[in-house]
Amino acid sequence: MKIIVPMAGMGKRMRPHTLTVPKPLVPIAGKPIVQRLVEDIAKVCGEPVEQVAFIIGNFGEAVEKSLVRIAESVGAKGTIHYQDQPLGTAHAVMCAKEALEGNVVVAFADTLFKADFTLDASRDGIIWVQKVADPRPFGVVKLNEQNQITEFVEKPEHFVSDLAIIGIYYFKDGAYLRSELQYLLDNDIKDKGEFQLTNALENMKNKGTRFVPGQVTEWLDCGNKDATVFTNQRYLEYLAERKENLVDASAQIENSVVVQPVYLGKNVKLRNAVVGPHVSVGNGTTISDSVVKNAIIQENTTVNNANISNSMLGNFVKFEGKPSDLSVGDYNVILS
């Protein structure tokens, strides 16, 4: 099994947190989004993962090395591929065309999921979907009575279906997918100005490929600050259900209350604080004389005399004050 992870987008909706790191490296419960995604897919594959191909922009050598380590953590080889222009989902996947062989999972790195299934590798293709209230921002699928996908529609202006494609796909024959994607590129076939993966899926379906929907227990979006904070909340609850240890042994908790579920990284210091529920605190961060709930606070940050909720603070932030809803990027100093 191979996993292809397109993640070259700029993450504009997540700024200021994506000014210094790519969105997929923003942490959820102490691990980057993309690491959580790769680990969760590896768990449901039902067979060893041979390769994880990351499709990125110009993220720098440090990021590339961290991505290779993520692949190695699930026993796979990590490879780096580049998408220099945002030309659509089909173009993005083709940037790693060398990895399109055999059984392939394609997973876009702005979504996480909770699932209790094992991938059925005997299927021609599986497209994971979830019902949504407003399907217009998504690609959607229509089903027949046999629960097979009969139509793919990219961002419908009028109601077609409320089954949104969540960005995770399985293909039994990666080489066949590659040939269909190449056909779109060679013939300049675009939808809404971009090369769309759904167009290739529609062509494959018309030629006899049987796609079925996959269902996840929960779909967790990481598209903007509020969505990411909520995803952190749900993921912490998910890890607590699995009884995973969320507090590093080096964390120092002095005259403080921790309301679980809370993730505390290495050398975190809490002094005269109430932290939780639903808080993730990165390595080396200090929180004192403060109340923090429902928040992501990254590494080497200092929070003092604050009341924080529904918030994200980046790395190397120094924050003092009383605002309750924050989105603060790396290396900021905010004093009141």
C-alpha atoms as a PDB file:
ATOM      1  CA  MET A   1       0.000   0.000   0.000  1.00  0.00           C
ATOM      2  CA  LYS A   2       1.120   3.538  -0.821  1.00  0.00           C
ATOM      3  CA  ILE A   3      -0.218   6.787   0.595  1.00  0.00           C
ATOM      4  CA  ILE A   4      -0.110  10.017  -1.413  1.00  0.00           C
ATOM      5  CA  VAL A   5      -0.584  13.222   0.589  1.00  0.00           C
ATOM      6  CA  PRO A   6      -1.082  16.450  -1.411  1.00  0.00           C
ATOM      7  CA  MET A   7      -0.318  19.366   0.926  1.00  0.00           C
ATOM      8  CA  ALA A   8       1.140  22.164  -1.208  1.00  0.00           C
ATOM      9  CA  GLY A   9      -1.588  24.737  -0.446  1.00  0.00           C
ATOM     10  CA  MET A  10      -0.681  27.982   1.297  1.00  0.00           C
ATOM     11  CA  GLY A  11      -3.308  27.623   4.042  1.00  0.00           C
ATOM     12  CA  LYS A  12      -4.496  31.227   3.797  1.00  0.00           C
ATOM     13  CA  ARG A  13      -7.559  30.584   5.945  1.00  0.00           C
ATOM     14  CA  MET A  14      -5.284  29.510   8.789  1.00  0.00           C
ATOM     15  CA  ARG A  15      -3.147  32.633   8.893  1.00  0.00           C
ATOM     16  CA  PRO A  16      -1.277  33.828  10.921  1.00  0.00           C
ATOM     17  CA  HIS A  17      -0.427  30.230  11.906  1.00  0.00           C
ATOM     18  CA  THR A  18       0.656  29.304   8.386  1.00  0.00           C
ATOM     19  CA  LEU A  19       3.005  32.255   7.886  1.00  0.00           C
ATOM     20  CA  THR A  20       5.916  30.282   9.379  1.00  0.00           C
ATOM     21  CA  VAL A  21       4.818  26.638   9.006  1.00  0.00           C
ATOM     22  CA  PRO A  22       2.620  24.828   6.457  1.00  0.00           C
ATOM     23  CA  LYS A  23      -0.939  24.161   7.658  1.00  0.00           C
ATOM     24  CA  PRO A  24      -0.473  20.348   7.793  1.00  0.00           C
ATOM     25  CA  LEU A  25       2.297  20.831  10.369  1.00  0.00           C
ATOM     26  CA  VAL A  26       0.036  22.713  12.799  1.00  0.00           C
ATOM     27  CA  PRO A  27      -0.299  20.399  15.816  1.00  0.00           C
ATOM     28  CA  ILE A  28      -3.421  18.558  16.921  1.00  0.00           C
ATOM     29  CA  ALA A  29      -3.061  17.007  20.379  1.00  0.00           C
ATOM     30  CA  GLY A  30       0.701  17.359  20.167  1.00  0.00           C
ATOM     31  CA  LYS A  31       1.300  15.962  16.674  1.00  0.00           C
ATOM     32  CA  PRO A  32       1.166  17.686  13.269  1.00  0.00           C
ATOM     33  CA  ILE A  33      -2.121  17.304  11.387  1.00  0.00           C
ATOM     34  CA  VAL A  34      -0.368  15.384   8.601  1.00  0.00           C
ATOM     35  CA  GLN A  35       1.211  12.955  11.070  1.00  0.00           C
ATOM     36  CA  ARG A  36      -2.170  12.258  12.656  1.00  0.00           C
ATOM     37  CA  LEU A  37      -3.606  11.695   9.158  1.00  0.00           C
ATOM     38  CA  VAL A  38      -0.865   9.302   8.023  1.00  0.00           C
ATOM     39  CA  GLU A  39      -1.000   7.318  11.283  1.00  0.00           C
ATOM     40  CA  ASP A  40      -4.790   6.986  11.119  1.00  0.00           C
ATOM     41  CA  ILE A  41      -4.721   5.804   7.497  1.00  0.00           C
ATOM     42  CA  ALA A  42      -1.960   3.298   8.277  1.00  0.00           C
ATOM     43  CA  LYS A  43      -4.152   1.856  11.050  1.00  0.00           C
ATOM     44  CA  VAL A  44      -7.093   1.158   8.713  1.00  0.00           C
ATOM     45  CA  CYS A  45      -5.111  -0.078   5.684  1.00  0.00           C
ATOM     46  CA  GLY A  46      -4.983  -3.672   6.846  1.00  0.00           C
ATOM     47  CA  GLU A  47      -1.577  -4.160   5.209  1.00  0.00           C
ATOM     48  CA  PRO A  48       1.884  -2.581   5.528  1.00  0.00           C
ATOM     49  CA  VAL A  49       2.420   0.895   4.070  1.00  0.00           C
ATOM     50  CA  GLU A  50       5.347   0.805   1.668  1.00  0.00           C
ATOM     51  CA  GLN A  51       5.646   4.496   0.785  1.00  0.00           C
ATOM     52  CA  VAL A  52       4.227   7.859   1.796  1.00  0.00           C
ATOM     53  CA  ALA A  53       4.589  10.467  -0.958  1.00  0.00           C
ATOM     54  CA  PHE A  54       4.208  14.063   0.233  1.00  0.00           C
ATOM     55  CA  ILE A  55       3.365  16.718  -2.386  1.00  0.00           C
ATOM     56  CA  ILE A  56       4.521  20.100  -1.107  1.00  0.00           C
ATOM     57  CA  GLY A  57       5.479  23.619  -2.089  1.00  0.00           C
ATOM     58  CA  ASN A  58       8.743  25.302  -1.198  1.00  0.00           C
ATOM     59  CA  PHE A  59       8.573  24.420   2.496  1.00  0.00           C
ATOM     60  CA  GLY A  60      12.294  24.102   3.164  1.00  0.00           C
ATOM     61  CA  GLU A  61      14.673  21.327   4.126  1.00  0.00           C
ATOM     62  CA  ALA A  62      13.621  21.139   7.789  1.00  0.00           C
ATOM     63  CA  VAL A  63       9.991  20.485   6.852  1.00  0.00           C
ATOM     64  CA  GLU A  64      11.001  17.875   4.274  1.00  0.00           C
ATOM     65  CA  LYS A  65      13.069  16.002   6.849  1.00  0.00           C
ATOM     66  CA  SER A  66      10.198  16.042   9.332  1.00  0.00           C
ATOM     67  CA  LEU A  67       7.848  14.608   6.696  1.00  0.00           C
ATOM     68  CA  VAL A  68      10.271  11.778   5.920  1.00  0.00           C
ATOM     69  CA  ARG A  69      10.396  10.988   9.651  1.00  0.00           C
ATOM     70  CA  ILE A  70       6.585  10.862   9.753  1.00  0.00           C
ATOM     71  CA  ALA A  71       6.614   8.240   6.984  1.00  0.00           C
ATOM     72  CA  GLU A  72       9.325   6.271   8.765  1.00  0.00           C
ATOM     73  CA  SER A  73       7.247   6.295  11.972  1.00  0.00           C
ATOM     74  CA  VAL A  74       4.674   4.049  10.228  1.00  0.00           C
ATOM     75  CA  GLY A  75       7.359   1.818   8.704  1.00  0.00           C
ATOM     76  CA  ALA A  76       7.267   3.412   5.245  1.00  0.00           C
ATOM     77  CA  LYS A  77       9.682   5.201   2.948  1.00  0.00           C
ATOM     78  CA  GLY A  78       9.004   8.944   2.752  1.00  0.00           C
ATOM     79  CA  THR A  79       9.382  10.728  -0.589  1.00  0.00           C
ATOM     80  CA  ILE A  80       9.046  14.424  -1.391  1.00  0.00           C
ATOM     81  CA  HIS A  81       7.415  15.794  -4.548  1.00  0.00           C
ATOM     82  CA  TYR A  82       6.710  19.388  -5.538  1.00  0.00           C
ATOM     83  CA  GLN A  83       3.694  21.254  -6.863  1.00  0.00           C
ATOM     84  CA  ASP A  84       4.877  24.657  -8.034  1.00  0.00           C
ATOM     85  CA  GLN A  85       1.483  25.957  -9.201  1.00  0.00           C
ATOM     86  CA  PRO A  86      -2.013  25.496  -7.696  1.00  0.00           C
ATOM     87  CA  LEU A  87      -3.592  23.860 -10.749  1.00  0.00           C
ATOM     88  CA  GLY A  88      -6.115  21.620  -9.002  1.00  0.00           C
ATOM     89  CA  THR A  89      -6.452  18.290  -7.235  1.00  0.00           C
ATOM     90  CA  ALA A  90      -5.707  16.116 -10.298  1.00  0.00           C
ATOM     91  CA  HIS A  91      -2.543  18.092 -11.028  1.00  0.00           C
ATOM     92  CA  ALA A  92      -1.494  17.809  -7.368  1.00  0.00           C
ATOM     93  CA  VAL A  93      -1.766  14.010  -7.320  1.00  0.00           C
ATOM     94  CA  MET A  94       0.155  13.759 -10.606  1.00  0.00           C
ATOM     95  CA  CYS A  95       3.070  15.589  -9.033  1.00  0.00           C
ATOM     96  CA  ALA A  96       3.765  12.229  -7.341  1.00  0.00           C
ATOM     97  CA  LYS A  97       3.038  10.124 -10.415  1.00  0.00           C
ATOM     98  CA  GLU A  98       6.002   7.838  -9.661  1.00  0.00           C
ATOM     99  CA  ALA A  99       4.079   6.594  -6.603  1.00  0.00           C
ATOM    100  CA  LEU A 100       0.926   5.764  -8.581  1.00  0.00           C
ATOM    101  CA  GLU A 101       1.417   2.004  -8.745  1.00  0.00           C
ATOM    102  CA  GLY A 102      -0.569  -0.794  -7.132  1.00  0.00           C
ATOM    103  CA  ASN A 103      -2.843  -0.118  -4.165  1.00  0.00           C
ATOM    104  CA  VAL A 104      -2.926   3.591  -3.406  1.00  0.00           C
ATOM    105  CA  VAL A 105      -4.631   5.836  -0.860  1.00  0.00           C
ATOM    106  CA  VAL A 106      -4.814   9.538  -1.722  1.00  0.00           C
ATOM    107  CA  ALA A 107      -5.440  11.737   1.322  1.00  0.00           C
ATOM    108  CA  PHE A 108      -5.511  15.530   1.266  1.00  0.00           C
ATOM    109  CA  ALA A 109      -3.864  16.930   4.367  1.00  0.00           C
ATOM    110  CA  ASP A 110      -6.512  19.302   5.697  1.00  0.00           C
ATOM    111  CA  THR A 111      -8.837  16.725   7.203  1.00  0.00           C
ATOM    112  CA  LEU A 112      -8.780  14.147   9.975  1.00  0.00           C
ATOM    113  CA  PHE A 113     -11.256  11.402  10.695  1.00  0.00           C
ATOM    114  CA  LYS A 114     -12.426   8.962  13.311  1.00  0.00           C
ATOM    115  CA  ALA A 115     -13.130   5.491  11.955  1.00  0.00           C
ATOM    116  CA  ASP A 116     -13.656   1.913  13.059  1.00  0.00           C
ATOM    117  CA  PHE A 117     -13.247   0.106   9.720  1.00  0.00           C
ATOM    118  CA  THR A 118     -10.532  -1.784   7.861  1.00  0.00           C
ATOM    119  CA  LEU A 119     -10.014  -0.803   4.242  1.00  0.00           C
ATOM    120  CA  ASP A 120     -11.326  -3.412   1.786  1.00  0.00           C
ATOM    121  CA  ALA A 121      -8.467  -3.612  -0.716  1.00  0.00           C
ATOM    122  CA  SER A 122     -10.476  -5.863  -3.042  1.00  0.00           C
ATOM    123  CA  ARG A 123     -12.668  -2.943  -4.126  1.00  0.00           C
ATOM    124  CA  ASP A 124     -11.923  -1.106  -7.388  1.00  0.00           C
ATOM    125  CA  GLY A 125     -12.119   2.169  -5.534  1.00  0.00           C
ATOM    126  CA  ILE A 126     -13.463   3.682  -2.323  1.00  0.00           C
ATOM    127  CA  ILE A 127     -14.371   7.360  -1.925  1.00  0.00           C
ATOM    128  CA  TRP A 128     -14.933   8.449   1.653  1.00  0.00           C
ATOM    129  CA  VAL A 129     -17.918  10.749   2.091  1.00  0.00           C
ATOM    130  CA  GLN A 130     -19.907  12.436   4.824  1.00  0.00           C
ATOM    131  CA  LYS A 131     -23.313  14.104   4.863  1.00  0.00           C
ATOM    132  CA  VAL A 132     -23.101  17.901   5.086  1.00  0.00           C
ATOM    133  CA  ALA A 133     -25.659  20.655   5.478  1.00  0.00           C
ATOM    134  CA  ASP A 134     -24.251  22.767   2.634  1.00  0.00           C
ATOM    135  CA  PRO A 135     -22.614  20.694  -0.136  1.00  0.00           C
ATOM    136  CA  ARG A 136     -21.760  23.653  -2.406  1.00  0.00           C
ATOM    137  CA  PRO A 137     -18.110  24.013  -1.252  1.00  0.00           C
ATOM    138  CA  PHE A 138     -17.369  20.314  -1.813  1.00  0.00           C
ATOM    139  CA  GLY A 139     -17.190  17.627  -4.430  1.00  0.00           C
ATOM    140  CA  VAL A 140     -20.199  15.342  -3.956  1.00  0.00           C
ATOM    141  CA  VAL A 141     -21.331  11.890  -5.097  1.00  0.00           C
ATOM    142  CA  LYS A 142     -24.654  10.350  -6.084  1.00  0.00           C
ATOM    143  CA  LEU A 143     -25.454   6.694  -5.288  1.00  0.00           C
ATOM    144  CA  ASN A 144     -27.680   4.044  -6.839  1.00  0.00           C
ATOM    145  CA  GLU A 145     -29.729   1.401  -5.019  1.00  0.00           C
ATOM    146  CA  GLN A 146     -26.701  -0.927  -4.982  1.00  0.00           C
ATOM    147  CA  ASN A 147     -24.742   1.683  -2.994  1.00  0.00           C
ATOM    148  CA  GLN A 148     -22.400   2.323  -5.913  1.00  0.00           C
ATOM    149  CA  ILE A 149     -21.355   5.797  -6.947  1.00  0.00           C
ATOM    150  CA  THR A 150     -23.114   6.883 -10.144  1.00  0.00           C
ATOM    151  CA  GLU A 151     -21.933  10.489 -10.444  1.00  0.00           C
ATOM    152  CA  PHE A 152     -19.203  12.847  -9.245  1.00  0.00           C
ATOM    153  CA  VAL A 153     -19.966  16.580  -9.170  1.00  0.00           C
ATOM    154  CA  GLU A 154     -17.408  19.225  -8.201  1.00  0.00           C
ATOM    155  CA  LYS A 155     -18.791  22.072  -6.028  1.00  0.00           C
ATOM    156  CA  PRO A 156     -22.390  21.955  -7.294  1.00  0.00           C
ATOM    157  CA  GLU A 157     -24.154  25.315  -7.587  1.00  0.00           C
ATOM    158  CA  HIS A 158     -27.526  23.562  -7.255  1.00  0.00           C
ATOM    159  CA  PHE A 159     -28.393  20.619  -5.011  1.00  0.00           C
ATOM    160  CA  VAL A 160     -27.191  17.290  -6.383  1.00  0.00           C
ATOM    161  CA  SER A 161     -26.347  15.353  -3.228  1.00  0.00           C
ATOM    162  CA  ASP A 162     -25.439  16.025   0.389  1.00  0.00           C
ATOM    163  CA  LEU A 163     -22.710  13.347   0.407  1.00  0.00           C
ATOM    164  CA  ALA A 164     -19.496  15.378   0.389  1.00  0.00           C
ATOM    165  CA  ILE A 165     -16.151  13.845  -0.569  1.00  0.00           C
ATOM    166  CA  ILE A 166     -13.915  14.324   2.474  1.00  0.00           C
ATOM    167  CA  GLY A 167     -10.604  14.085   0.598  1.00  0.00           C
ATOM    168  CA  ILE A 168      -9.618  10.440   1.198  1.00  0.00           C
ATOM    169  CA  TYR A 169      -9.653   7.949  -1.695  1.00  0.00           C
ATOM    170  CA  TYR A 170      -8.581   4.340  -2.277  1.00  0.00           C
ATOM    171  CA  PHE A 171      -7.605   2.977  -5.712  1.00  0.00           C
ATOM    172  CA  LYS A 172      -6.867  -0.681  -6.385  1.00  0.00           C
ATOM    173  CA  ASP A 173      -4.893   0.212  -9.534  1.00  0.00           C
ATOM    174  CA  GLY A 174      -2.735   3.295  -9.097  1.00  0.00           C
ATOM    175  CA  ALA A 175      -1.311   3.027 -12.614  1.00  0.00           C
ATOM    176  CA  TYR A 176      -4.820   3.223 -14.100  1.00  0.00           C
ATOM    177  CA  LEU A 177      -5.515   6.359 -12.068  1.00  0.00           C
ATOM    178  CA  ARG A 178      -2.250   7.837 -13.332  1.00  0.00           C
ATOM    179  CA  SER A 179      -3.237   7.271 -16.961  1.00  0.00           C
ATOM    180  CA  GLU A 180      -6.613   8.955 -16.428  1.00  0.00           C
ATOM    181  CA  LEU A 181      -5.018  11.942 -14.710  1.00  0.00           C
ATOM    182  CA  GLN A 182      -2.470  12.232 -17.510  1.00  0.00           C
ATOM    183  CA  TYR A 183      -5.340  12.281 -20.020  1.00  0.00           C
ATOM    184  CA  LEU A 184      -6.810  15.354 -18.282  1.00  0.00           C
ATOM    185  CA  LEU A 185      -3.471  17.160 -18.347  1.00  0.00           C
ATOM    186  CA  ASP A 186      -2.646  16.236 -21.951  1.00  0.00           C
ATOM    187  CA  ASN A 187      -6.053  17.421 -23.191  1.00  0.00           C
ATOM    188  CA  ASP A 188      -6.304  20.484 -20.932  1.00  0.00           C
ATOM    189  CA  ILE A 189      -9.585  19.259 -19.436  1.00  0.00           C
ATOM    190  CA  LYS A 190     -10.481  21.578 -16.563  1.00  0.00           C
ATOM    191  CA  ASP A 191     -13.478  22.234 -14.354  1.00  0.00           C
ATOM    192  CA  LYS A 192     -13.856  25.668 -12.772  1.00  0.00           C
ATOM    193  CA  GLY A 193     -10.410  26.556 -14.104  1.00  0.00           C
ATOM    194  CA  GLU A 194      -8.518  23.625 -12.552  1.00  0.00           C
ATOM    195  CA  PHE A 195      -7.661  19.987 -13.217  1.00  0.00           C
ATOM    196  CA  GLN A 196     -10.077  18.117 -10.952  1.00  0.00           C
ATOM    197  CA  LEU A 197      -9.635  14.622  -9.547  1.00  0.00           C
ATOM    198  CA  THR A 198     -13.409  14.152  -9.762  1.00  0.00           C
ATOM    199  CA  ASN A 199     -13.212  14.393 -13.583  1.00  0.00           C
ATOM    200  CA  ALA A 200     -10.794  11.466 -13.654  1.00  0.00           C
ATOM    201  CA  LEU A 201     -13.049   9.514 -11.300  1.00  0.00           C
ATOM    202  CA  GLU A 202     -16.043  10.155 -13.572  1.00  0.00           C
ATOM    203  CA  ASN A 203     -14.081   8.896 -16.603  1.00  0.00           C
ATOM    204  CA  MET A 204     -12.970   5.781 -14.713  1.00  0.00           C
ATOM    205  CA  LYS A 205     -16.547   5.087 -13.596  1.00  0.00           C
ATOM    206  CA  ASN A 206     -17.817   5.429 -17.163  1.00  0.00           C
ATOM    207  CA  LYS A 207     -15.240   2.833 -18.248  1.00  0.00           C
ATOM    208  CA  GLY A 208     -16.443   0.309 -15.688  1.00  0.00           C
ATOM    209  CA  THR A 209     -14.586   1.070 -12.452  1.00  0.00           C
ATOM    210  CA  ARG A 210     -16.916   0.429  -9.541  1.00  0.00           C
ATOM    211  CA  PHE A 211     -16.552   3.060  -6.860  1.00  0.00           C
ATOM    212  CA  VAL A 212     -18.293   2.652  -3.519  1.00  0.00           C
ATOM    213  CA  PRO A 213     -18.641   5.154  -0.694  1.00  0.00           C
ATOM    214  CA  GLY A 214     -16.680   4.775   2.499  1.00  0.00           C
ATOM    215  CA  GLN A 215     -18.116   6.115   5.722  1.00  0.00           C
ATOM    216  CA  VAL A 216     -16.179   7.516   8.659  1.00  0.00           C
ATOM    217  CA  THR A 217     -17.518   7.837  12.179  1.00  0.00           C
ATOM    218  CA  GLU A 218     -16.567  11.496  12.254  1.00  0.00           C
ATOM    219  CA  TRP A 219     -15.018  13.947   9.797  1.00  0.00           C
ATOM    220  CA  LEU A 220     -12.823  16.626  11.349  1.00  0.00           C
ATOM    221  CA  ASP A 221     -11.903  19.702   9.337  1.00  0.00           C
ATOM    222  CA  CYS A 222      -8.762  21.798   9.840  1.00  0.00           C
ATOM    223  CA  GLY A 223      -9.590  24.541   7.359  1.00  0.00           C
ATOM    224  CA  ASN A 224      -9.563  27.561   9.688  1.00  0.00           C
ATOM    225  CA  LYS A 225      -8.843  28.523  13.286  1.00  0.00           C
ATOM    226  CA  ASP A 226     -12.237  27.703  14.777  1.00  0.00           C
ATOM    227  CA  ALA A 227     -12.483  24.386  12.918  1.00  0.00           C
ATOM    228  CA  THR A 228      -8.968  23.411  14.011  1.00  0.00           C
ATOM    229  CA  VAL A 229      -9.668  24.225  17.661  1.00  0.00           C
ATOM    230  CA  PHE A 230     -12.816  22.075  17.470  1.00  0.00           C
ATOM    231  CA  THR A 231     -10.874  19.257  15.797  1.00  0.00           C
ATOM    232  CA  ASN A 232      -8.313  19.435  18.606  1.00  0.00           C
ATOM    233  CA  GLN A 233     -11.193  19.115  21.095  1.00  0.00           C
ATOM    234  CA  ARG A 234     -12.680  16.064  19.411  1.00  0.00           C
ATOM    235  CA  TYR A 235      -9.289  14.423  18.856  1.00  0.00           C
ATOM    236  CA  LEU A 236      -8.363  14.812  22.520  1.00  0.00           C
ATOM    237  CA  GLU A 237     -11.646  13.119  23.422  1.00  0.00           C
ATOM    238  CA  TYR A 238     -10.892  10.371  20.910  1.00  0.00           C
ATOM    239  CA  LEU A 239      -7.423   9.768  22.403  1.00  0.00           C
ATOM    240  CA  ALA A 240      -8.872   9.770  25.923  1.00  0.00           C
ATOM    241  CA  GLU A 241     -11.390   7.087  24.854  1.00  0.00           C
ATOM    242  CA  ARG A 242      -8.428   4.991  23.711  1.00  0.00           C
ATOM    243  CA  LYS A 243      -6.826   5.629  27.118  1.00  0.00           C
ATOM    244  CA  GLU A 244      -3.672   7.109  25.596  1.00  0.00           C
ATOM    245  CA  ASN A 245      -1.336   8.975  27.926  1.00  0.00           C
ATOM    246  CA  LEU A 246      -1.643  12.678  27.116  1.00  0.00           C
ATOM    247  CA  VAL A 247       0.639  14.180  29.764  1.00  0.00           C
ATOM    248  CA  ASP A 248       4.413  13.877  29.362  1.00  0.00           C
ATOM    249  CA  ALA A 249       6.273  12.760  32.476  1.00  0.00           C
ATOM    250  CA  SER A 250       8.468  15.883  32.370  1.00  0.00           C
ATOM    251  CA  ALA A 251       5.507  18.279  32.716  1.00  0.00           C
ATOM    252  CA  GLN A 252       5.632  20.345  35.923  1.00  0.00           C
ATOM    253  CA  ILE A 253       2.247  21.055  37.511  1.00  0.00           C
ATOM    254  CA  GLU A 254       2.472  23.458  40.475  1.00  0.00           C
ATOM    255  CA  ASN A 255      -0.629  24.551  42.387  1.00  0.00           C
ATOM    256  CA  SER A 256      -2.664  23.985  39.231  1.00  0.00           C
ATOM    257  CA  VAL A 257      -5.725  22.077  38.081  1.00  0.00           C
ATOM    258  CA  VAL A 258      -5.774  20.047  34.860  1.00  0.00           C
ATOM    259  CA  VAL A 259      -9.275  19.277  33.577  1.00  0.00           C
ATOM    260  CA  GLN A 260      -8.955  16.358  31.157  1.00  0.00           C
ATOM    261  CA  PRO A 261      -8.725  15.743  28.307  1.00  0.00           C
ATOM    262  CA  VAL A 262      -5.563  17.837  28.035  1.00  0.00           C
ATOM    263  CA  TYR A 263      -2.295  17.227  26.178  1.00  0.00           C
ATOM    264  CA  LEU A 264       0.865  18.497  27.917  1.00  0.00           C
ATOM    265  CA  GLY A 265       4.143  18.164  25.997  1.00  0.00           C
ATOM    266  CA  LYS A 266       7.698  17.876  27.240  1.00  0.00           C
ATOM    267  CA  ASN A 267       8.857  20.343  29.913  1.00  0.00           C
ATOM    268  CA  VAL A 268       5.517  22.160  30.053  1.00  0.00           C
ATOM    269  CA  LYS A 269       5.162  24.242  33.227  1.00  0.00           C
ATOM    270  CA  LEU A 270       1.834  25.093  34.845  1.00  0.00           C
ATOM    271  CA  ARG A 271       1.830  27.479  37.829  1.00  0.00           C
ATOM    272  CA  ASN A 272      -1.326  28.686  39.570  1.00  0.00           C
ATOM    273  CA  ALA A 273      -3.348  27.784  36.518  1.00  0.00           C
ATOM    274  CA  VAL A 274      -6.510  25.995  35.482  1.00  0.00           C
ATOM    275  CA  VAL A 275      -5.965  24.229  32.171  1.00  0.00           C
ATOM    276  CA  GLY A 276      -8.655  22.319  30.328  1.00  0.00           C
ATOM    277  CA  PRO A 277     -10.752  20.775  29.181  1.00  0.00           C
ATOM    278  CA  HIS A 278      -9.712  20.386  25.527  1.00  0.00           C
ATOM    279  CA  VAL A 279      -6.315  22.088  25.633  1.00  0.00           C
ATOM    280  CA  SER A 280      -3.104  21.053  23.847  1.00  0.00           C
ATOM    281  CA  VAL A 281       0.119  22.594  25.166  1.00  0.00           C
ATOM    282  CA  GLY A 282       3.360  22.190  23.202  1.00  0.00           C
ATOM    283  CA  ASN A 283       6.866  21.438  24.444  1.00  0.00           C
ATOM    284  CA  GLY A 284       8.565  24.034  26.640  1.00  0.00           C
ATOM    285  CA  THR A 285       5.497  26.236  27.146  1.00  0.00           C
ATOM    286  CA  THR A 286       4.755  27.923  30.487  1.00  0.00           C
ATOM    287  CA  ILE A 287       1.271  28.907  31.678  1.00  0.00           C
ATOM    288  CA  SER A 288       0.946  30.833  34.929  1.00  0.00           C
ATOM    289  CA  ASP A 289      -1.828  32.638  36.815  1.00  0.00           C
ATOM    290  CA  SER A 290      -4.203  31.838  33.977  1.00  0.00           C
ATOM    291  CA  VAL A 291      -7.339  29.960  32.972  1.00  0.00           C
ATOM    292  CA  VAL A 292      -7.106  28.178  29.605  1.00  0.00           C
ATOM    293  CA  LYS A 293      -9.741  25.990  27.977  1.00  0.00           C
ATOM    294  CA  ASN A 294     -10.513  24.759  24.463  1.00  0.00           C
ATOM    295  CA  ALA A 295      -7.222  25.943  22.969  1.00  0.00           C
ATOM    296  CA  ILE A 296      -4.070  24.991  21.102  1.00  0.00           C
ATOM    297  CA  ILE A 297      -0.886  26.553  22.476  1.00  0.00           C
ATOM    298  CA  GLN A 298       2.259  25.580  20.600  1.00  0.00           C
ATOM    299  CA  GLU A 299       5.886  25.283  21.691  1.00  0.00           C
ATOM    300  CA  ASN A 300       8.067  27.588  23.815  1.00  0.00           C
ATOM    301  CA  THR A 301       5.245  30.030  24.508  1.00  0.00           C
ATOM    302  CA  THR A 302       4.575  31.967  27.718  1.00  0.00           C
ATOM    303  CA  VAL A 303       1.052  32.746  28.921  1.00  0.00           C
ATOM    304  CA  ASN A 304       0.596  34.836  32.051  1.00  0.00           C
ATOM    305  CA  ASN A 305      -2.411  36.410  33.780  1.00  0.00           C
ATOM    306  CA  ALA A 306      -4.786  35.432  30.988  1.00  0.00           C
ATOM    307  CA  ASN A 307      -8.250  33.989  30.480  1.00  0.00           C
ATOM    308  CA  ILE A 308      -8.178  32.129  27.172  1.00  0.00           C
ATOM    309  CA  SER A 309     -10.710  29.992  25.311  1.00  0.00           C
ATOM    310  CA  ASN A 310     -11.436  28.986  21.689  1.00  0.00           C
ATOM    311  CA  SER A 311      -7.927  30.095  20.815  1.00  0.00           C
ATOM    312  CA  MET A 312      -4.707  29.213  19.015  1.00  0.00           C
ATOM    313  CA  LEU A 313      -1.316  30.584  20.015  1.00  0.00           C
ATOM    314  CA  GLY A 314       1.756  29.834  17.927  1.00  0.00           C
ATOM    315  CA  ASN A 315       5.375  29.108  18.806  1.00  0.00           C
ATOM    316  CA  PHE A 316       7.536  31.500  20.848  1.00  0.00           C
ATOM    317  CA  VAL A 317       4.586  33.732  21.768  1.00  0.00           C
ATOM    318  CA  LYS A 318       4.627  35.874  24.906  1.00  0.00           C
ATOM    319  CA  PHE A 319       1.096  36.710  25.987  1.00  0.00           C
ATOM    320  CA  GLU A 320      -0.204  38.633  28.988  1.00  0.00           C
ATOM    321  CA  GLY A 321      -3.743  39.901  29.233  1.00  0.00           C
ATOM    322  CA  LYS A 322      -7.390  38.931  29.425  1.00  0.00           C
ATOM    323  CA  PRO A 323      -8.804  38.422  25.901  1.00  0.00           C
ATOM    324  CA  SER A 324     -10.813  35.195  25.586  1.00  0.00           C
ATOM    325  CA  ASP A 325     -10.776  34.386  21.845  1.00  0.00           C
ATOM    326  CA  LEU A 326      -7.354  34.526  20.187  1.00  0.00           C
ATOM    327  CA  SER A 327      -5.518  33.574  17.033  1.00  0.00           C
ATOM    328  CA  VAL A 328      -1.882  34.556  17.528  1.00  0.00           C
ATOM    329  CA  GLY A 329       0.926  33.511  15.193  1.00  0.00           C
ATOM    330  CA  ASP A 330       4.545  32.648  15.985  1.00  0.00           C
ATOM    331  CA  TYR A 331       6.978  35.021  17.718  1.00  0.00           C
ATOM    332  CA  ASN A 332       4.390  37.588  18.861  1.00  0.00           C
ATOM    333  CA  VAL A 333       4.543  39.530  22.126  1.00  0.00           C
ATOM    334  CA  ILE A 334       1.199  40.787  23.437  1.00  0.00           C
ATOM    335  CA  LEU A 335       1.100  42.665  26.768  1.00  0.00           C
ATOM    336  CA  SER A 336      -1.838  44.502  28.286  1.00  0.00           C
END
